Amino acid sequence: MNRREFVRLAAAAPLTAAAPKQHEAPRMSANDSDTPATKPFVVMPETARTYDIGHGEARILVGAEQTSGAWWLASLMSEPGRKTSLHVHYIADEQFYVLEGTLSVWIEDRWQELPAGSVAAVPRGVHHALGNRSSKNVRFLASGNPAGFERYFADIEEIARRLPYASPEFLAELRKIYRKYESELLGPPPEG
């Protein structure tokens, strides 16, 4: 699968995702609409929002404002050794496409190594973590549906400016941020 195919599939993901059941929380959206964008749009590299997320970078290519809250897309870079905490999203699905390097993904109770060209889909409610367990930077695309979680990257940048990445203080603040996005930090990255 090439990049163009991934972007096409990422855009279609919210259209094919199951609707939330009545007991699920309402979907996050920019304007309380769950309809995909009705107008074409183009995002130029210089207009992408870029965030320092602590030993990595997030470039938000598409957000709720372009898709009426249906989905988001980001280009991410993680330096060697960077891992996310084990976490879960209760109302959002995520997809990842590796551009270069090897992305480690914790799903199904084990680390899986994803080389360039690999895709991973993590449905809502699945415990997962991401990491770079290699000696080189990893670059990947991440998307999610519905939109909303892309705002998390601005929040993490604010924490990373004040506190050392993955310090106990950093994780305590991160736990609070996850709640804003109907997500939960479950613990440190799994061993391995």
C-alpha atoms as a PDB file:
ATOM      1  CA  MET A   1       0.000   0.000   0.000  1.00  0.00           C
ATOM      2  CA  ASN A   2       1.440   3.392  -0.926  1.00  0.00           C
ATOM      3  CA  ARG A   3       0.869   6.737   0.819  1.00  0.00           C
ATOM      4  CA  ARG A   4      -1.853   7.820  -1.588  1.00  0.00           C
ATOM      5  CA  GLU A   5      -3.813   4.600  -0.957  1.00  0.00           C
ATOM      6  CA  PHE A   6      -3.439   5.043   2.820  1.00  0.00           C
ATOM      7  CA  VAL A   7      -4.766   8.613   2.738  1.00  0.00           C
ATOM      8  CA  ARG A   8      -7.715   7.438   0.609  1.00  0.00           C
ATOM      9  CA  LEU A   9      -8.446   4.607   3.047  1.00  0.00           C
ATOM     10  CA  ALA A  10      -8.012   6.866   6.086  1.00  0.00           C
ATOM     11  CA  ALA A  11     -10.540   9.267   4.611  1.00  0.00           C
ATOM     12  CA  ALA A  12     -12.987   6.426   4.038  1.00  0.00           C
ATOM     13  CA  ALA A  13     -12.541   4.924   7.515  1.00  0.00           C
ATOM     14  CA  PRO A  14     -15.138   7.113   9.229  1.00  0.00           C
ATOM     15  CA  LEU A  15     -17.619   6.276   6.519  1.00  0.00           C
ATOM     16  CA  THR A  16     -17.282   2.554   7.145  1.00  0.00           C
ATOM     17  CA  ALA A  17     -16.839   2.606  10.932  1.00  0.00           C
ATOM     18  CA  ALA A  18     -19.707   1.303  13.007  1.00  0.00           C
ATOM     19  CA  ALA A  19     -21.934   3.948  14.524  1.00  0.00           C
ATOM     20  CA  PRO A  20     -21.700   4.246  18.310  1.00  0.00           C
ATOM     21  CA  LYS A  21     -24.120   2.180  20.307  1.00  0.00           C
ATOM     22  CA  GLN A  22     -26.636   3.978  22.510  1.00  0.00           C
ATOM     23  CA  HIS A  23     -24.572   3.329  25.651  1.00  0.00           C
ATOM     24  CA  GLU A  24     -21.423   4.921  24.158  1.00  0.00           C
ATOM     25  CA  ALA A  25     -20.403   8.505  24.813  1.00  0.00           C
ATOM     26  CA  PRO A  26     -21.181  11.092  22.134  1.00  0.00           C
ATOM     27  CA  ARG A  27     -18.617  11.515  19.389  1.00  0.00           C
ATOM     28  CA  MET A  28     -16.116  14.361  19.533  1.00  0.00           C
ATOM     29  CA  SER A  29     -16.516  16.850  16.726  1.00  0.00           C
ATOM     30  CA  ALA A  30     -15.795  20.421  15.792  1.00  0.00           C
ATOM     31  CA  ASN A  31     -19.405  21.445  15.320  1.00  0.00           C
ATOM     32  CA  ASP A  32     -21.463  18.539  16.686  1.00  0.00           C
ATOM     33  CA  SER A  33     -21.814  17.142  13.167  1.00  0.00           C
ATOM     34  CA  ASP A  34     -20.761  13.615  12.263  1.00  0.00           C
ATOM     35  CA  THR A  35     -20.948  14.179   8.534  1.00  0.00           C
ATOM     36  CA  PRO A  36     -17.718  14.071   6.509  1.00  0.00           C
ATOM     37  CA  ALA A  37     -16.460  17.195   4.797  1.00  0.00           C
ATOM     38  CA  THR A  38     -18.733  18.246   1.973  1.00  0.00           C
ATOM     39  CA  LYS A  39     -16.173  20.458   0.239  1.00  0.00           C
ATOM     40  CA  PRO A  40     -12.768  19.460  -1.116  1.00  0.00           C
ATOM     41  CA  PHE A  41      -9.765  20.848   0.731  1.00  0.00           C
ATOM     42  CA  VAL A  42      -6.001  21.055   0.362  1.00  0.00           C
ATOM     43  CA  VAL A  43      -3.506  21.377   3.199  1.00  0.00           C
ATOM     44  CA  MET A  44      -0.119  22.784   2.207  1.00  0.00           C
ATOM     45  CA  PRO A  45       2.945  21.740   4.237  1.00  0.00           C
ATOM     46  CA  GLU A  46       3.473  25.221   5.656  1.00  0.00           C
ATOM     47  CA  THR A  47      -0.074  25.360   7.036  1.00  0.00           C
ATOM     48  CA  ALA A  48       0.113  22.086   8.986  1.00  0.00           C
ATOM     49  CA  ARG A  49       0.145  22.634  12.756  1.00  0.00           C
ATOM     50  CA  THR A  50       3.435  21.268  14.143  1.00  0.00           C
ATOM     51  CA  TYR A  51       3.986  20.244  17.764  1.00  0.00           C
ATOM     52  CA  ASP A  52       7.033  19.130  19.751  1.00  0.00           C
ATOM     53  CA  ILE A  53       5.675  16.134  21.656  1.00  0.00           C
ATOM     54  CA  GLY A  54       8.812  15.223  23.605  1.00  0.00           C
ATOM     55  CA  HIS A  55      11.362  13.166  21.658  1.00  0.00           C
ATOM     56  CA  GLY A  56       9.131  13.460  18.623  1.00  0.00           C
ATOM     57  CA  GLU A  57       7.026  15.694  16.422  1.00  0.00           C
ATOM     58  CA  ALA A  58       3.393  15.753  15.335  1.00  0.00           C
ATOM     59  CA  ARG A  59       2.236  17.572  12.198  1.00  0.00           C
ATOM     60  CA  ILE A  60      -1.554  17.821  12.025  1.00  0.00           C
ATOM     61  CA  LEU A  61      -2.432  17.597   8.360  1.00  0.00           C
ATOM     62  CA  VAL A  62      -6.225  17.291   8.655  1.00  0.00           C
ATOM     63  CA  GLY A  63      -8.399  18.098  11.641  1.00  0.00           C
ATOM     64  CA  ALA A  64     -11.996  18.434  12.681  1.00  0.00           C
ATOM     65  CA  GLU A  65     -12.281  21.810  10.964  1.00  0.00           C
ATOM     66  CA  GLN A  66     -11.740  20.229   7.520  1.00  0.00           C
ATOM     67  CA  THR A  67     -13.840  17.080   8.065  1.00  0.00           C
ATOM     68  CA  SER A  68     -16.757  18.401  10.107  1.00  0.00           C
ATOM     69  CA  GLY A  69     -15.464  16.296  12.969  1.00  0.00           C
ATOM     70  CA  ALA A  70     -15.434  12.996  11.078  1.00  0.00           C
ATOM     71  CA  TRP A  71     -11.674  12.188  11.079  1.00  0.00           C
ATOM     72  CA  TRP A  72      -8.141  13.542  11.530  1.00  0.00           C
ATOM     73  CA  LEU A  73      -4.724  12.812   9.962  1.00  0.00           C
ATOM     74  CA  ALA A  74      -1.222  13.529  11.265  1.00  0.00           C
ATOM     75  CA  SER A  75       2.353  12.865  10.247  1.00  0.00           C
ATOM     76  CA  LEU A  76       4.394  11.803  13.270  1.00  0.00           C
ATOM     77  CA  MET A  77       8.078  11.291  14.000  1.00  0.00           C
ATOM     78  CA  SER A  78       9.391   9.433  17.039  1.00  0.00           C
ATOM     79  CA  GLU A  79      13.036   9.415  18.061  1.00  0.00           C
ATOM     80  CA  PRO A  80      14.733   6.169  19.156  1.00  0.00           C
ATOM     81  CA  GLY A  81      13.513   5.004  22.566  1.00  0.00           C
ATOM     82  CA  ARG A  82      10.298   7.053  22.595  1.00  0.00           C
ATOM     83  CA  LYS A  83       7.232   5.079  23.680  1.00  0.00           C
ATOM     84  CA  THR A  84       3.712   6.089  24.582  1.00  0.00           C
ATOM     85  CA  SER A  85       2.058   4.887  27.737  1.00  0.00           C
ATOM     86  CA  LEU A  86      -0.343   1.977  27.506  1.00  0.00           C
ATOM     87  CA  HIS A  87      -3.707   3.619  26.823  1.00  0.00           C
ATOM     88  CA  VAL A  88      -7.193   3.187  25.407  1.00  0.00           C
ATOM     89  CA  HIS A  89      -9.562   5.416  23.425  1.00  0.00           C
ATOM     90  CA  TYR A  90     -13.204   4.773  24.283  1.00  0.00           C
ATOM     91  CA  ILE A  91     -14.902   6.581  21.393  1.00  0.00           C
ATOM     92  CA  ALA A  92     -12.280   6.754  18.641  1.00  0.00           C
ATOM     93  CA  ASP A  93     -10.626   4.326  16.235  1.00  0.00           C
ATOM     94  CA  GLU A  94      -7.006   4.862  15.129  1.00  0.00           C
ATOM     95  CA  GLN A  95      -5.017   3.822  12.084  1.00  0.00           C
ATOM     96  CA  PHE A  96      -1.243   3.926  11.508  1.00  0.00           C
ATOM     97  CA  TYR A  97       0.802   3.696   8.303  1.00  0.00           C
ATOM     98  CA  VAL A  98       4.609   3.475   8.588  1.00  0.00           C
ATOM     99  CA  LEU A  99       6.493   5.738   6.159  1.00  0.00           C
ATOM    100  CA  GLU A 100      10.087   5.012   7.208  1.00  0.00           C
ATOM    101  CA  GLY A 101      11.795   3.104   9.968  1.00  0.00           C
ATOM    102  CA  THR A 102      10.081   0.577  12.221  1.00  0.00           C
ATOM    103  CA  LEU A 103       7.105   1.424  14.418  1.00  0.00           C
ATOM    104  CA  SER A 104       6.504  -0.822  17.407  1.00  0.00           C
ATOM    105  CA  VAL A 105       2.832  -1.290  18.287  1.00  0.00           C
ATOM    106  CA  TRP A 106       1.590  -3.013  21.452  1.00  0.00           C
ATOM    107  CA  ILE A 107      -1.688  -4.759  20.630  1.00  0.00           C
ATOM    108  CA  GLU A 108      -3.004  -8.186  21.491  1.00  0.00           C
ATOM    109  CA  ASP A 109      -0.695  -8.311  24.544  1.00  0.00           C
ATOM    110  CA  ARG A 110       2.584  -8.133  22.623  1.00  0.00           C
ATOM    111  CA  TRP A 111       4.865  -5.768  20.754  1.00  0.00           C
ATOM    112  CA  GLN A 112       4.639  -6.056  16.984  1.00  0.00           C
ATOM    113  CA  GLU A 113       7.293  -4.522  14.732  1.00  0.00           C
ATOM    114  CA  LEU A 114       5.870  -2.686  11.707  1.00  0.00           C
ATOM    115  CA  PRO A 115       8.374  -1.876   8.936  1.00  0.00           C
ATOM    116  CA  ALA A 116       7.785   0.835   6.325  1.00  0.00           C
ATOM    117  CA  GLY A 117       4.656   0.098   4.307  1.00  0.00           C
ATOM    118  CA  SER A 118       2.834  -1.591   7.208  1.00  0.00           C
ATOM    119  CA  VAL A 119      -0.621  -0.616   8.419  1.00  0.00           C
ATOM    120  CA  ALA A 120      -2.169  -1.120  11.860  1.00  0.00           C
ATOM    121  CA  ALA A 121      -5.775  -0.425  12.824  1.00  0.00           C
ATOM    122  CA  VAL A 122      -6.744  -0.090  16.476  1.00  0.00           C
ATOM    123  CA  PRO A 123     -10.505  -0.044  17.086  1.00  0.00           C
ATOM    124  CA  ARG A 124     -11.912   1.930  20.013  1.00  0.00           C
ATOM    125  CA  GLY A 125     -11.683   0.087  23.315  1.00  0.00           C
ATOM    126  CA  VAL A 126      -8.436  -1.764  22.459  1.00  0.00           C
ATOM    127  CA  HIS A 127      -5.505  -1.248  24.860  1.00  0.00           C
ATOM    128  CA  HIS A 128      -2.400  -0.211  22.925  1.00  0.00           C
ATOM    129  CA  ALA A 129       0.916   1.647  22.962  1.00  0.00           C
ATOM    130  CA  LEU A 130       3.286   2.900  20.281  1.00  0.00           C
ATOM    131  CA  GLY A 131       7.041   3.052  20.373  1.00  0.00           C
ATOM    132  CA  ASN A 132      10.309   3.338  18.554  1.00  0.00           C
ATOM    133  CA  ARG A 133      12.434   0.455  19.793  1.00  0.00           C
ATOM    134  CA  SER A 134      15.001   0.939  17.007  1.00  0.00           C
ATOM    135  CA  SER A 135      18.122   3.084  16.726  1.00  0.00           C
ATOM    136  CA  LYS A 136      16.695   5.347  13.982  1.00  0.00           C
ATOM    137  CA  ASN A 137      13.800   7.793  13.806  1.00  0.00           C
ATOM    138  CA  VAL A 138      10.456   6.362  12.720  1.00  0.00           C
ATOM    139  CA  ARG A 139       8.007   8.379  10.618  1.00  0.00           C
ATOM    140  CA  PHE A 140       4.380   7.373  10.265  1.00  0.00           C
ATOM    141  CA  LEU A 141       0.925   8.642   9.459  1.00  0.00           C
ATOM    142  CA  ALA A 142      -1.758   8.390  12.119  1.00  0.00           C
ATOM    143  CA  SER A 143      -5.450   8.947  11.617  1.00  0.00           C
ATOM    144  CA  GLY A 144      -8.476   8.633  13.810  1.00  0.00           C
ATOM    145  CA  ASN A 145     -12.204   8.788  13.631  1.00  0.00           C
ATOM    146  CA  PRO A 146     -14.041  10.726  14.805  1.00  0.00           C
ATOM    147  CA  ALA A 147     -11.864  13.827  14.918  1.00  0.00           C
ATOM    148  CA  GLY A 148     -10.979  15.509  18.176  1.00  0.00           C
ATOM    149  CA  PHE A 149      -7.958  13.592  19.423  1.00  0.00           C
ATOM    150  CA  GLU A 150      -5.675  15.619  17.129  1.00  0.00           C
ATOM    151  CA  ARG A 151      -5.997  18.444  19.695  1.00  0.00           C
ATOM    152  CA  TYR A 152      -4.157  16.192  22.170  1.00  0.00           C
ATOM    153  CA  PHE A 153      -0.835  17.004  20.479  1.00  0.00           C
ATOM    154  CA  ALA A 154      -1.039  20.705  21.430  1.00  0.00           C
ATOM    155  CA  ASP A 155      -1.716  19.643  25.019  1.00  0.00           C
ATOM    156  CA  ILE A 156       1.234  17.252  25.138  1.00  0.00           C
ATOM    157  CA  GLU A 157       3.537  19.931  23.697  1.00  0.00           C
ATOM    158  CA  GLU A 158       2.580  22.265  26.545  1.00  0.00           C
ATOM    159  CA  ILE A 159       3.489  19.587  29.116  1.00  0.00           C
ATOM    160  CA  ALA A 160       6.714  18.604  27.300  1.00  0.00           C
ATOM    161  CA  ARG A 161       7.893  22.233  27.480  1.00  0.00           C
ATOM    162  CA  ARG A 162       7.614  22.204  31.284  1.00  0.00           C
ATOM    163  CA  LEU A 163       8.397  18.658  32.359  1.00  0.00           C
ATOM    164  CA  PRO A 164      10.834  15.914  31.307  1.00  0.00           C
ATOM    165  CA  TYR A 165       9.151  13.439  28.952  1.00  0.00           C
ATOM    166  CA  ALA A 166       7.855  10.334  30.798  1.00  0.00           C
ATOM    167  CA  SER A 167       8.758  11.707  34.252  1.00  0.00           C
ATOM    168  CA  PRO A 168       6.231  10.947  37.038  1.00  0.00           C
ATOM    169  CA  GLU A 169       5.038  14.572  36.920  1.00  0.00           C
ATOM    170  CA  PHE A 170       4.663  14.429  33.131  1.00  0.00           C
ATOM    171  CA  LEU A 171       2.617  11.212  33.363  1.00  0.00           C
ATOM    172  CA  ALA A 172       0.381  12.646  36.099  1.00  0.00           C
ATOM    173  CA  GLU A 173      -0.551  15.573  33.843  1.00  0.00           C
ATOM    174  CA  LEU A 174      -0.869  13.301  30.822  1.00  0.00           C
ATOM    175  CA  ARG A 175      -3.405  11.168  32.704  1.00  0.00           C
ATOM    176  CA  LYS A 176      -5.630  14.262  33.111  1.00  0.00           C
ATOM    177  CA  ILE A 177      -5.293  15.167  29.426  1.00  0.00           C
ATOM    178  CA  TYR A 178      -6.331  11.709  28.247  1.00  0.00           C
ATOM    179  CA  ARG A 179      -9.657  12.145  30.068  1.00  0.00           C
ATOM    180  CA  LYS A 180     -10.411  15.256  27.962  1.00  0.00           C
ATOM    181  CA  TYR A 181     -10.411  13.022  24.896  1.00  0.00           C
ATOM    182  CA  GLU A 182     -12.537  10.147  26.234  1.00  0.00           C
ATOM    183  CA  SER A 183      -9.339   8.128  26.663  1.00  0.00           C
ATOM    184  CA  GLU A 184      -7.486   6.629  29.583  1.00  0.00           C
ATOM    185  CA  LEU A 185      -3.805   6.224  30.422  1.00  0.00           C
ATOM    186  CA  LEU A 186      -3.540   2.666  31.754  1.00  0.00           C
ATOM    187  CA  GLY A 187       0.097   2.565  32.806  1.00  0.00           C
ATOM    188  CA  PRO A 188       3.672   2.745  31.575  1.00  0.00           C
ATOM    189  CA  PRO A 189       4.683   1.323  28.221  1.00  0.00           C
ATOM    190  CA  PRO A 190       4.750  -2.471  28.347  1.00  0.00           C
ATOM    191  CA  GLU A 191       8.173  -4.043  28.868  1.00  0.00           C
ATOM    192  CA  GLY A 192      10.093  -5.386  25.939  1.00  0.00           C
END
